[in-house]
Amino acid sequence: MSQEESTMEAKKGIPKSHLSEIMGDRKIKIADVLRCTNIGRNTCARVYQEKDMEKMTLGTFINLCDGLGVSLNELLEYHPEKRYNPETRECEEY
């Protein structure tokens, strides 16, 4: 999947994980990820499946990045729903 395709799939306001693509490219299993990080199996599965990621701590994602040797930008993708307009001093929908 190209970067453009994955960007198009990411929904505004919902974090998108690239963990499954990283694992697939490197041919590694969840057990391998757990061995290299300090996160639990359920947490790893939630990132892999992109479930309730907005409730996770930054430390979880940093541990994954460190264990996999990737940047936060390579692991996660996020497109905001709103943006601040300095002229009107209001938040606007994208």
PDB file of N, CA and C in Angstrom:
ATOM      1  N   MET A   1       0.857  -1.182   0.000  1.00  0.00           N
ATOM      2  CA  MET A   1       0.000   0.000   0.000  1.00  0.00           C
ATOM      3  C   MET A   1       0.894   1.233   0.000  1.00  0.00           C
ATOM      4  N   SER A   2       0.628   2.156  -0.910  1.00  0.00           N
ATOM      5  CA  SER A   2       1.436   3.363  -0.988  1.00  0.00           C
ATOM      6  C   SER A   2       1.039   4.338   0.109  1.00  0.00           C
ATOM      7  N   GLN A   3       1.928   5.312   0.365  1.00  0.00           N
ATOM      8  CA  GLN A   3       1.658   6.328   1.388  1.00  0.00           C
ATOM      9  C   GLN A   3       0.396   7.116   1.023  1.00  0.00           C
ATOM     10  N   GLU A   4       0.216   7.389  -0.268  1.00  0.00           N
ATOM     11  CA  GLU A   4      -0.962   8.136  -0.712  1.00  0.00           C
ATOM     12  C   GLU A   4      -2.246   7.362  -0.426  1.00  0.00           C
ATOM     13  N   GLU A   5      -2.237   6.055  -0.689  1.00  0.00           N
ATOM     14  CA  GLU A   5      -3.418   5.237  -0.426  1.00  0.00           C
ATOM     15  C   GLU A   5      -3.741   5.188   1.063  1.00  0.00           C
ATOM     16  N   SER A   6      -2.701   5.044   1.907  1.00  0.00           N
ATOM     17  CA  SER A   6      -2.956   4.969   3.343  1.00  0.00           C
ATOM     18  C   SER A   6      -3.451   6.315   3.866  1.00  0.00           C
ATOM     19  N   THR A   7      -2.947   7.417   3.313  1.00  0.00           N
ATOM     20  CA  THR A   7      -3.419   8.732   3.724  1.00  0.00           C
ATOM     21  C   THR A   7      -4.884   8.911   3.367  1.00  0.00           C
ATOM     22  N   MET A   8      -5.285   8.392   2.212  1.00  0.00           N
ATOM     23  CA  MET A   8      -6.672   8.520   1.800  1.00  0.00           C
ATOM     24  C   MET A   8      -7.581   7.695   2.704  1.00  0.00           C
ATOM     25  N   GLU A   9      -7.074   6.579   3.241  1.00  0.00           N
ATOM     26  CA  GLU A   9      -7.881   5.722   4.092  1.00  0.00           C
ATOM     27  C   GLU A   9      -8.038   6.279   5.498  1.00  0.00           C
ATOM     28  N   ALA A  10      -7.082   7.090   5.951  1.00  0.00           N
ATOM     29  CA  ALA A  10      -7.143   7.620   7.312  1.00  0.00           C
ATOM     30  C   ALA A  10      -8.314   8.585   7.418  1.00  0.00           C
ATOM     31  N   LYS A  11      -9.147   8.368   8.429  1.00  0.00           N
ATOM     32  CA  LYS A  11     -10.305   9.225   8.628  1.00  0.00           C
ATOM     33  C   LYS A  11      -9.930  10.377   9.535  1.00  0.00           C
ATOM     34  N   LYS A  12     -10.534  11.518   9.299  1.00  0.00           N
ATOM     35  CA  LYS A  12     -10.253  12.683  10.114  1.00  0.00           C
ATOM     36  C   LYS A  12     -10.675  12.444  11.555  1.00  0.00           C
ATOM     37  N   GLY A  13      -9.793  12.812  12.482  1.00  0.00           N
ATOM     38  CA  GLY A  13     -10.098  12.709  13.894  1.00  0.00           C
ATOM     39  C   GLY A  13      -9.882  11.335  14.502  1.00  0.00           C
ATOM     40  N   ILE A  14      -9.424  10.377  13.694  1.00  0.00           N
ATOM     41  CA  ILE A  14      -9.201   9.023  14.188  1.00  0.00           C
ATOM     42  C   ILE A  14      -7.752   8.635  13.872  1.00  0.00           C
ATOM     43  N   PRO A  15      -6.966   8.277  14.908  1.00  0.00           N
ATOM     44  CA  PRO A  15      -5.582   7.862  14.642  1.00  0.00           C
ATOM     45  C   PRO A  15      -5.545   6.586  13.811  1.00  0.00           C
ATOM     46  N   LYS A  16      -4.598   6.511  12.880  1.00  0.00           N
ATOM     47  CA  LYS A  16      -4.399   5.314  12.064  1.00  0.00           C
ATOM     48  C   LYS A  16      -3.035   4.741  12.406  1.00  0.00           C
ATOM     49  N   SER A  17      -3.002   3.450  12.656  1.00  0.00           N
ATOM     50  CA  SER A  17      -1.768   2.755  12.984  1.00  0.00           C
ATOM     51  C   SER A  17      -1.212   2.069  11.737  1.00  0.00           C
ATOM     52  N   HIS A  18       0.102   2.133  11.598  1.00  0.00           N
ATOM     53  CA  HIS A  18       0.776   1.422  10.512  1.00  0.00           C
ATOM     54  C   HIS A  18       1.513   0.193  11.045  1.00  0.00           C
ATOM     55  N   LEU A  19       1.161  -0.250  12.267  1.00  0.00           N
ATOM     56  CA  LEU A  19       1.827  -1.390  12.874  1.00  0.00           C
ATOM     57  C   LEU A  19       1.680  -2.643  12.011  1.00  0.00           C
ATOM     58  N   SER A  20       0.498  -2.887  11.488  1.00  0.00           N
ATOM     59  CA  SER A  20       0.305  -4.100  10.688  1.00  0.00           C
ATOM     60  C   SER A  20       1.175  -4.076   9.428  1.00  0.00           C
ATOM     61  N   GLU A  21       1.306  -2.902   8.795  1.00  0.00           N
ATOM     62  CA  GLU A  21       2.145  -2.800   7.602  1.00  0.00           C
ATOM     63  C   GLU A  21       3.616  -2.998   7.954  1.00  0.00           C
ATOM     64  N   ILE A  22       4.060  -2.398   9.074  1.00  0.00           N
ATOM     65  CA  ILE A  22       5.451  -2.539   9.514  1.00  0.00           C
ATOM     66  C   ILE A  22       5.758  -4.003   9.802  1.00  0.00           C
ATOM     67  N   MET A  23       4.856  -4.657  10.533  1.00  0.00           N
ATOM     68  CA  MET A  23       5.058  -6.068  10.856  1.00  0.00           C
ATOM     69  C   MET A  23       5.054  -6.924   9.594  1.00  0.00           C
ATOM     70  N   GLY A  24       4.159  -6.633   8.682  1.00  0.00           N
ATOM     71  CA  GLY A  24       4.096  -7.385   7.423  1.00  0.00           C
ATOM     72  C   GLY A  24       5.344  -7.209   6.582  1.00  0.00           C
ATOM     73  N   ASP A  25       5.827  -5.970   6.471  1.00  0.00           N
ATOM     74  CA  ASP A  25       7.038  -5.702   5.690  1.00  0.00           C
ATOM     75  C   ASP A  25       8.248  -6.430   6.260  1.00  0.00           C
ATOM     76  N   ARG A  26       8.312  -6.495   7.592  1.00  0.00           N
ATOM     77  CA  ARG A  26       9.466  -7.117   8.261  1.00  0.00           C
ATOM     78  C   ARG A  26       9.256  -8.599   8.557  1.00  0.00           C
ATOM     79  N   LYS A  27       8.052  -9.082   8.269  1.00  0.00           N
ATOM     80  CA  LYS A  27       7.698 -10.490   8.523  1.00  0.00           C
ATOM     81  C   LYS A  27       7.918 -10.857   9.992  1.00  0.00           C
ATOM     82  N   ILE A  28       7.387 -10.007  10.882  1.00  0.00           N
ATOM     83  CA  ILE A  28       7.490 -10.288  12.309  1.00  0.00           C
ATOM     84  C   ILE A  28       6.100 -10.498  12.895  1.00  0.00           C
ATOM     85  N   LYS A  29       6.042 -11.212  13.993  1.00  0.00           N
ATOM     86  CA  LYS A  29       4.782 -11.542  14.653  1.00  0.00           C
ATOM     87  C   LYS A  29       4.610 -10.687  15.901  1.00  0.00           C
ATOM     88  N   ILE A  30       3.400 -10.707  16.450  1.00  0.00           N
ATOM     89  CA  ILE A  30       3.128  -9.955  17.675  1.00  0.00           C
ATOM     90  C   ILE A  30       4.083 -10.393  18.784  1.00  0.00           C
ATOM     91  N   ALA A  31       4.385 -11.683  18.862  1.00  0.00           N
ATOM     92  CA  ALA A  31       5.326 -12.173  19.883  1.00  0.00           C
ATOM     93  C   ALA A  31       6.684 -11.491  19.751  1.00  0.00           C
ATOM     94  N   ASP A  32       7.117 -11.233  18.518  1.00  0.00           N
ATOM     95  CA  ASP A  32       8.385 -10.535  18.292  1.00  0.00           C
ATOM     96  C   ASP A  32       8.305  -9.088  18.779  1.00  0.00           C
ATOM     97  N   VAL A  33       7.175  -8.451  18.520  1.00  0.00           N
ATOM     98  CA  VAL A  33       6.980  -7.065  18.965  1.00  0.00           C
ATOM     99  C   VAL A  33       6.981  -7.002  20.485  1.00  0.00           C
ATOM    100  N   LEU A  34       6.299  -7.943  21.127  1.00  0.00           N
ATOM    101  CA  LEU A  34       6.236  -7.967  22.594  1.00  0.00           C
ATOM    102  C   LEU A  34       7.623  -8.148  23.198  1.00  0.00           C
ATOM    103  N   ARG A  35       8.452  -8.943  22.554  1.00  0.00           N
ATOM    104  CA  ARG A  35       9.794  -9.200  23.043  1.00  0.00           C
ATOM    105  C   ARG A  35      10.650  -7.926  23.011  1.00  0.00           C
ATOM    106  N   CYS A  36      10.386  -7.035  22.074  1.00  0.00           N
ATOM    107  CA  CYS A  36      11.198  -5.833  21.888  1.00  0.00           C
ATOM    108  C   CYS A  36      10.622  -4.594  22.572  1.00  0.00           C
ATOM    109  N   THR A  37       9.422  -4.703  23.127  1.00  0.00           N
ATOM    110  CA  THR A  37       8.767  -3.535  23.731  1.00  0.00           C
ATOM    111  C   THR A  37       8.300  -3.874  25.138  1.00  0.00           C
ATOM    112  N   ASN A  38       7.903  -2.872  25.867  1.00  0.00           N
ATOM    113  CA  ASN A  38       7.362  -3.078  27.217  1.00  0.00           C
ATOM    114  C   ASN A  38       5.853  -2.893  27.228  1.00  0.00           C
ATOM    115  N   ILE A  39       5.180  -3.424  26.238  1.00  0.00           N
ATOM    116  CA  ILE A  39       3.720  -3.307  26.212  1.00  0.00           C
ATOM    117  C   ILE A  39       3.106  -4.698  26.269  1.00  0.00           C
ATOM    118  N   GLY A  40       1.881  -4.776  26.726  1.00  0.00           N
ATOM    119  CA  GLY A  40       1.189  -6.045  26.847  1.00  0.00           C
ATOM    120  C   GLY A  40       0.594  -6.512  25.527  1.00  0.00           C
ATOM    121  N   ARG A  41       0.250  -7.785  25.494  1.00  0.00           N
ATOM    122  CA  ARG A  41      -0.326  -8.385  24.284  1.00  0.00           C
ATOM    123  C   ARG A  41      -1.622  -7.685  23.869  1.00  0.00           C
ATOM    124  N   ASN A  42      -2.498  -7.404  24.832  1.00  0.00           N
ATOM    125  CA  ASN A  42      -3.770  -6.761  24.508  1.00  0.00           C
ATOM    126  C   ASN A  42      -3.554  -5.364  23.944  1.00  0.00           C
ATOM    127  N   THR A  43      -2.621  -4.628  24.518  1.00  0.00           N
ATOM    128  CA  THR A  43      -2.325  -3.278  24.020  1.00  0.00           C
ATOM    129  C   THR A  43      -1.766  -3.347  22.610  1.00  0.00           C
ATOM    130  N   CYS A  44      -0.859  -4.271  22.385  1.00  0.00           N
ATOM    131  CA  CYS A  44      -0.287  -4.441  21.045  1.00  0.00           C
ATOM    132  C   CYS A  44      -1.381  -4.794  20.040  1.00  0.00           C
ATOM    133  N   ALA A  45      -2.265  -5.682  20.423  1.00  0.00           N
ATOM    134  CA  ALA A  45      -3.363  -6.085  19.542  1.00  0.00           C
ATOM    135  C   ALA A  45      -4.282  -4.904  19.233  1.00  0.00           C
ATOM    136  N   ARG A  46      -4.514  -4.052  20.238  1.00  0.00           N
ATOM    137  CA  ARG A  46      -5.375  -2.884  20.013  1.00  0.00           C
ATOM    138  C   ARG A  46      -4.743  -1.920  19.013  1.00  0.00           C
ATOM    139  N   VAL A  47      -3.431  -1.724  19.096  1.00  0.00           N
ATOM    140  CA  VAL A  47      -2.753  -0.854  18.115  1.00  0.00           C
ATOM    141  C   VAL A  47      -2.808  -1.512  16.742  1.00  0.00           C
ATOM    142  N   TYR A  48      -2.542  -2.797  16.682  1.00  0.00           N
ATOM    143  CA  TYR A  48      -2.573  -3.546  15.424  1.00  0.00           C
ATOM    144  C   TYR A  48      -3.946  -3.434  14.765  1.00  0.00           C
ATOM    145  N   GLN A  49      -5.005  -3.549  15.583  1.00  0.00           N
ATOM    146  CA  GLN A  49      -6.378  -3.518  15.074  1.00  0.00           C
ATOM    147  C   GLN A  49      -6.971  -2.111  15.048  1.00  0.00           C
ATOM    148  N   GLU A  50      -6.210  -1.125  15.510  1.00  0.00           N
ATOM    149  CA  GLU A  50      -6.642   0.278  15.549  1.00  0.00           C
ATOM    150  C   GLU A  50      -7.905   0.470  16.381  1.00  0.00           C
ATOM    151  N   LYS A  51      -7.914  -0.109  17.575  1.00  0.00           N
ATOM    152  CA  LYS A  51      -9.069  -0.004  18.469  1.00  0.00           C
ATOM    153  C   LYS A  51      -8.713   0.828  19.695  1.00  0.00           C
ATOM    154  N   ASP A  52      -9.518   1.825  20.004  1.00  0.00           N
ATOM    155  CA  ASP A  52      -9.371   2.656  21.208  1.00  0.00           C
ATOM    156  C   ASP A  52      -7.980   3.248  21.364  1.00  0.00           C
ATOM    157  N   MET A  53      -7.330   3.567  20.271  1.00  0.00           N
ATOM    158  CA  MET A  53      -5.973   4.104  20.357  1.00  0.00           C
ATOM    159  C   MET A  53      -5.918   5.501  20.965  1.00  0.00           C
ATOM    160  N   GLU A  54      -7.007   6.256  20.868  1.00  0.00           N
ATOM    161  CA  GLU A  54      -6.999   7.609  21.428  1.00  0.00           C
ATOM    162  C   GLU A  54      -6.906   7.592  22.945  1.00  0.00           C
ATOM    163  N   LYS A  55      -7.153   6.434  23.565  1.00  0.00           N
ATOM    164  CA  LYS A  55      -7.086   6.304  25.016  1.00  0.00           C
ATOM    165  C   LYS A  55      -5.705   5.858  25.496  1.00  0.00           C
ATOM    166  N   MET A  56      -4.813   5.523  24.592  1.00  0.00           N
ATOM    167  CA  MET A  56      -3.484   5.039  24.962  1.00  0.00           C
ATOM    168  C   MET A  56      -2.557   6.203  25.284  1.00  0.00           C
ATOM    169  N   THR A  57      -1.540   5.907  26.068  1.00  0.00           N
ATOM    170  CA  THR A  57      -0.579   6.951  26.433  1.00  0.00           C
ATOM    171  C   THR A  57       0.488   7.088  25.355  1.00  0.00           C
ATOM    172  N   LEU A  58       1.111   8.242  25.362  1.00  0.00           N
ATOM    173  CA  LEU A  58       2.216   8.474  24.436  1.00  0.00           C
ATOM    174  C   LEU A  58       3.342   7.483  24.701  1.00  0.00           C
ATOM    175  N   GLY A  59       3.525   7.108  25.965  1.00  0.00           N
ATOM    176  CA  GLY A  59       4.562   6.137  26.312  1.00  0.00           C
ATOM    177  C   GLY A  59       4.396   4.810  25.600  1.00  0.00           C
ATOM    178  N   THR A  60       3.169   4.379  25.406  1.00  0.00           N
ATOM    179  CA  THR A  60       2.908   3.135  24.676  1.00  0.00           C
ATOM    180  C   THR A  60       3.450   3.230  23.264  1.00  0.00           C
ATOM    181  N   PHE A  61       3.165   4.339  22.607  1.00  0.00           N
ATOM    182  CA  PHE A  61       3.610   4.507  21.223  1.00  0.00           C
ATOM    183  C   PHE A  61       5.122   4.693  21.143  1.00  0.00           C
ATOM    184  N   ILE A  62       5.695   5.358  22.137  1.00  0.00           N
ATOM    185  CA  ILE A  62       7.155   5.523  22.174  1.00  0.00           C
ATOM    186  C   ILE A  62       7.838   4.174  22.358  1.00  0.00           C
ATOM    187  N   ASN A  63       7.297   3.331  23.242  1.00  0.00           N
ATOM    188  CA  ASN A  63       7.860   1.990  23.419  1.00  0.00           C
ATOM    189  C   ASN A  63       7.796   1.186  22.123  1.00  0.00           C
ATOM    190  N   LEU A  64       6.688   1.292  21.416  1.00  0.00           N
ATOM    191  CA  LEU A  64       6.578   0.600  20.130  1.00  0.00           C
ATOM    192  C   LEU A  64       7.604   1.140  19.132  1.00  0.00           C
ATOM    193  N   CYS A  65       7.725   2.449  19.061  1.00  0.00           N
ATOM    194  CA  CYS A  65       8.689   3.061  18.133  1.00  0.00           C
ATOM    195  C   CYS A  65      10.107   2.627  18.459  1.00  0.00           C
ATOM    196  N   ASP A  66      10.465   2.676  19.748  1.00  0.00           N
ATOM    197  CA  ASP A  66      11.817   2.275  20.151  1.00  0.00           C
ATOM    198  C   ASP A  66      12.067   0.803  19.837  1.00  0.00           C
ATOM    199  N   GLY A  67      11.105  -0.046  20.151  1.00  0.00           N
ATOM    200  CA  GLY A  67      11.270  -1.478  19.924  1.00  0.00           C
ATOM    201  C   GLY A  67      11.355  -1.845  18.450  1.00  0.00           C
ATOM    202  N   LEU A  68      10.651  -1.105  17.613  1.00  0.00           N
ATOM    203  CA  LEU A  68      10.628  -1.401  16.180  1.00  0.00           C
ATOM    204  C   LEU A  68      11.639  -0.578  15.385  1.00  0.00           C
ATOM    205  N   GLY A  69      12.215   0.441  16.034  1.00  0.00           N
ATOM    206  CA  GLY A  69      13.177   1.296  15.331  1.00  0.00           C
ATOM    207  C   GLY A  69      12.535   2.161  14.274  1.00  0.00           C
ATOM    208  N   VAL A  70      11.343   2.692  14.591  1.00  0.00           N
ATOM    209  CA  VAL A  70      10.632   3.577  13.660  1.00  0.00           C
ATOM    210  C   VAL A  70      10.303   4.883  14.357  1.00  0.00           C
ATOM    211  N   SER A  71      10.004   5.898  13.582  1.00  0.00           N
ATOM    212  CA  SER A  71       9.585   7.177  14.153  1.00  0.00           C
ATOM    213  C   SER A  71       8.090   7.129  14.451  1.00  0.00           C
ATOM    214  N   LEU A  72       7.646   8.064  15.259  1.00  0.00           N
ATOM    215  CA  LEU A  72       6.217   8.158  15.569  1.00  0.00           C
ATOM    216  C   LEU A  72       5.413   8.419  14.294  1.00  0.00           C
ATOM    217  N   ASN A  73       5.988   9.202  13.373  1.00  0.00           N
ATOM    218  CA  ASN A  73       5.311   9.465  12.090  1.00  0.00           C
ATOM    219  C   ASN A  73       5.173   8.208  11.241  1.00  0.00           C
ATOM    220  N   GLU A  74       6.121   7.288  11.371  1.00  0.00           N
ATOM    221  CA  GLU A  74       6.032   6.042  10.613  1.00  0.00           C
ATOM    222  C   GLU A  74       4.996   5.098  11.224  1.00  0.00           C
ATOM    223  N   LEU A  75       4.829   5.168  12.542  1.00  0.00           N
ATOM    224  CA  LEU A  75       3.900   4.276  13.234  1.00  0.00           C
ATOM    225  C   LEU A  75       2.462   4.770  13.165  1.00  0.00           C
ATOM    226  N   LEU A  76       2.270   6.079  13.336  1.00  0.00           N
ATOM    227  CA  LEU A  76       0.917   6.639  13.426  1.00  0.00           C
ATOM    228  C   LEU A  76       0.666   7.701  12.378  1.00  0.00           C
ATOM    229  N   GLU A  77      -0.593   7.846  12.059  1.00  0.00           N
ATOM    230  CA  GLU A  77      -1.041   8.886  11.141  1.00  0.00           C
ATOM    231  C   GLU A  77      -2.289   9.511  11.751  1.00  0.00           C
ATOM    232  N   TYR A  78      -2.380  10.823  11.690  1.00  0.00           N
ATOM    233  CA  TYR A  78      -3.548  11.497  12.251  1.00  0.00           C
ATOM    234  C   TYR A  78      -3.868  12.728  11.420  1.00  0.00           C
ATOM    235  N   HIS A  79      -5.146  12.870  11.101  1.00  0.00           N
ATOM    236  CA  HIS A  79      -5.634  14.043  10.376  1.00  0.00           C
ATOM    237  C   HIS A  79      -6.710  14.698  11.232  1.00  0.00           C
ATOM    238  N   PRO A  80      -6.476  15.933  11.686  1.00  0.00           N
ATOM    239  CA  PRO A  80      -7.439  16.576  12.590  1.00  0.00           C
ATOM    240  C   PRO A  80      -8.784  16.850  11.920  1.00  0.00           C
ATOM    241  N   GLU A  81      -9.818  16.876  12.755  1.00  0.00           N
ATOM    242  CA  GLU A  81     -11.159  17.199  12.277  1.00  0.00           C
ATOM    243  C   GLU A  81     -11.345  18.705  12.133  1.00  0.00           C
ATOM    244  N   LYS A  82     -10.652  19.435  12.976  1.00  0.00           N
ATOM    245  CA  LYS A  82     -10.830  20.885  13.012  1.00  0.00           C
ATOM    246  C   LYS A  82      -9.489  21.586  12.940  1.00  0.00           C
ATOM    247  N   ARG A  83      -9.548  22.878  12.647  1.00  0.00           N
ATOM    248  CA  ARG A  83      -8.337  23.689  12.672  1.00  0.00           C
ATOM    249  C   ARG A  83      -8.691  25.064  13.215  1.00  0.00           C
ATOM    250  N   TYR A  84      -7.724  25.704  13.793  1.00  0.00           N
ATOM    251  CA  TYR A  84      -7.917  27.030  14.365  1.00  0.00           C
ATOM    252  C   TYR A  84      -7.718  28.073  13.282  1.00  0.00           C
ATOM    253  N   ASN A  85      -8.676  29.003  13.185  1.00  0.00           N
ATOM    254  CA  ASN A  85      -8.576  30.108  12.235  1.00  0.00           C
ATOM    255  C   ASN A  85      -8.214  31.359  13.034  1.00  0.00           C
ATOM    256  N   PRO A  86      -6.988  31.872  12.879  1.00  0.00           N
ATOM    257  CA  PRO A  86      -6.579  33.033  13.672  1.00  0.00           C
ATOM    258  C   PRO A  86      -7.363  34.307  13.345  1.00  0.00           C
ATOM    259  N   GLU A  87      -7.930  34.391  12.148  1.00  0.00           N
ATOM    260  CA  GLU A  87      -8.695  35.579  11.780  1.00  0.00           C
ATOM    261  C   GLU A  87     -10.019  35.663  12.537  1.00  0.00           C
ATOM    262  N   THR A  88     -10.701  34.537  12.653  1.00  0.00           N
ATOM    263  CA  THR A  88     -11.996  34.526  13.334  1.00  0.00           C
ATOM    264  C   THR A  88     -11.872  34.084  14.797  1.00  0.00           C
ATOM    265  N   ARG A  89     -10.687  33.558  15.144  1.00  0.00           N
ATOM    266  CA  ARG A  89     -10.444  33.007  16.484  1.00  0.00           C
ATOM    267  C   ARG A  89     -11.422  31.891  16.827  1.00  0.00           C
ATOM    268  N   GLU A  90     -11.766  31.107  15.821  1.00  0.00           N
ATOM    269  CA  GLU A  90     -12.692  29.996  15.969  1.00  0.00           C
ATOM    270  C   GLU A  90     -12.064  28.720  15.424  1.00  0.00           C
ATOM    271  N   CYS A  91     -12.543  27.594  15.911  1.00  0.00           N
ATOM    272  CA  CYS A  91     -12.160  26.300  15.337  1.00  0.00           C
ATOM    273  C   CYS A  91     -13.148  25.971  14.225  1.00  0.00           C
ATOM    274  N   GLU A  92     -12.619  25.566  13.091  1.00  0.00           N
ATOM    275  CA  GLU A  92     -13.450  25.270  11.930  1.00  0.00           C
ATOM    276  C   GLU A  92     -13.258  23.817  11.508  1.00  0.00           C
ATOM    277  N   GLU A  93     -14.301  23.237  10.948  1.00  0.00           N
ATOM    278  CA  GLU A  93     -14.229  21.894  10.389  1.00  0.00           C
ATOM    279  C   GLU A  93     -13.354  21.935   9.143  1.00  0.00           C
ATOM    280  N   TYR A  94     -12.596  20.879   8.916  1.00  0.00           N
ATOM    281  CA  TYR A  94     -11.828  20.765   7.667  1.00  0.00           C
ATOM    282  C   TYR A  94     -12.727  20.399   6.538  1.00  0.00           C
TER     283      TYR A  94
END
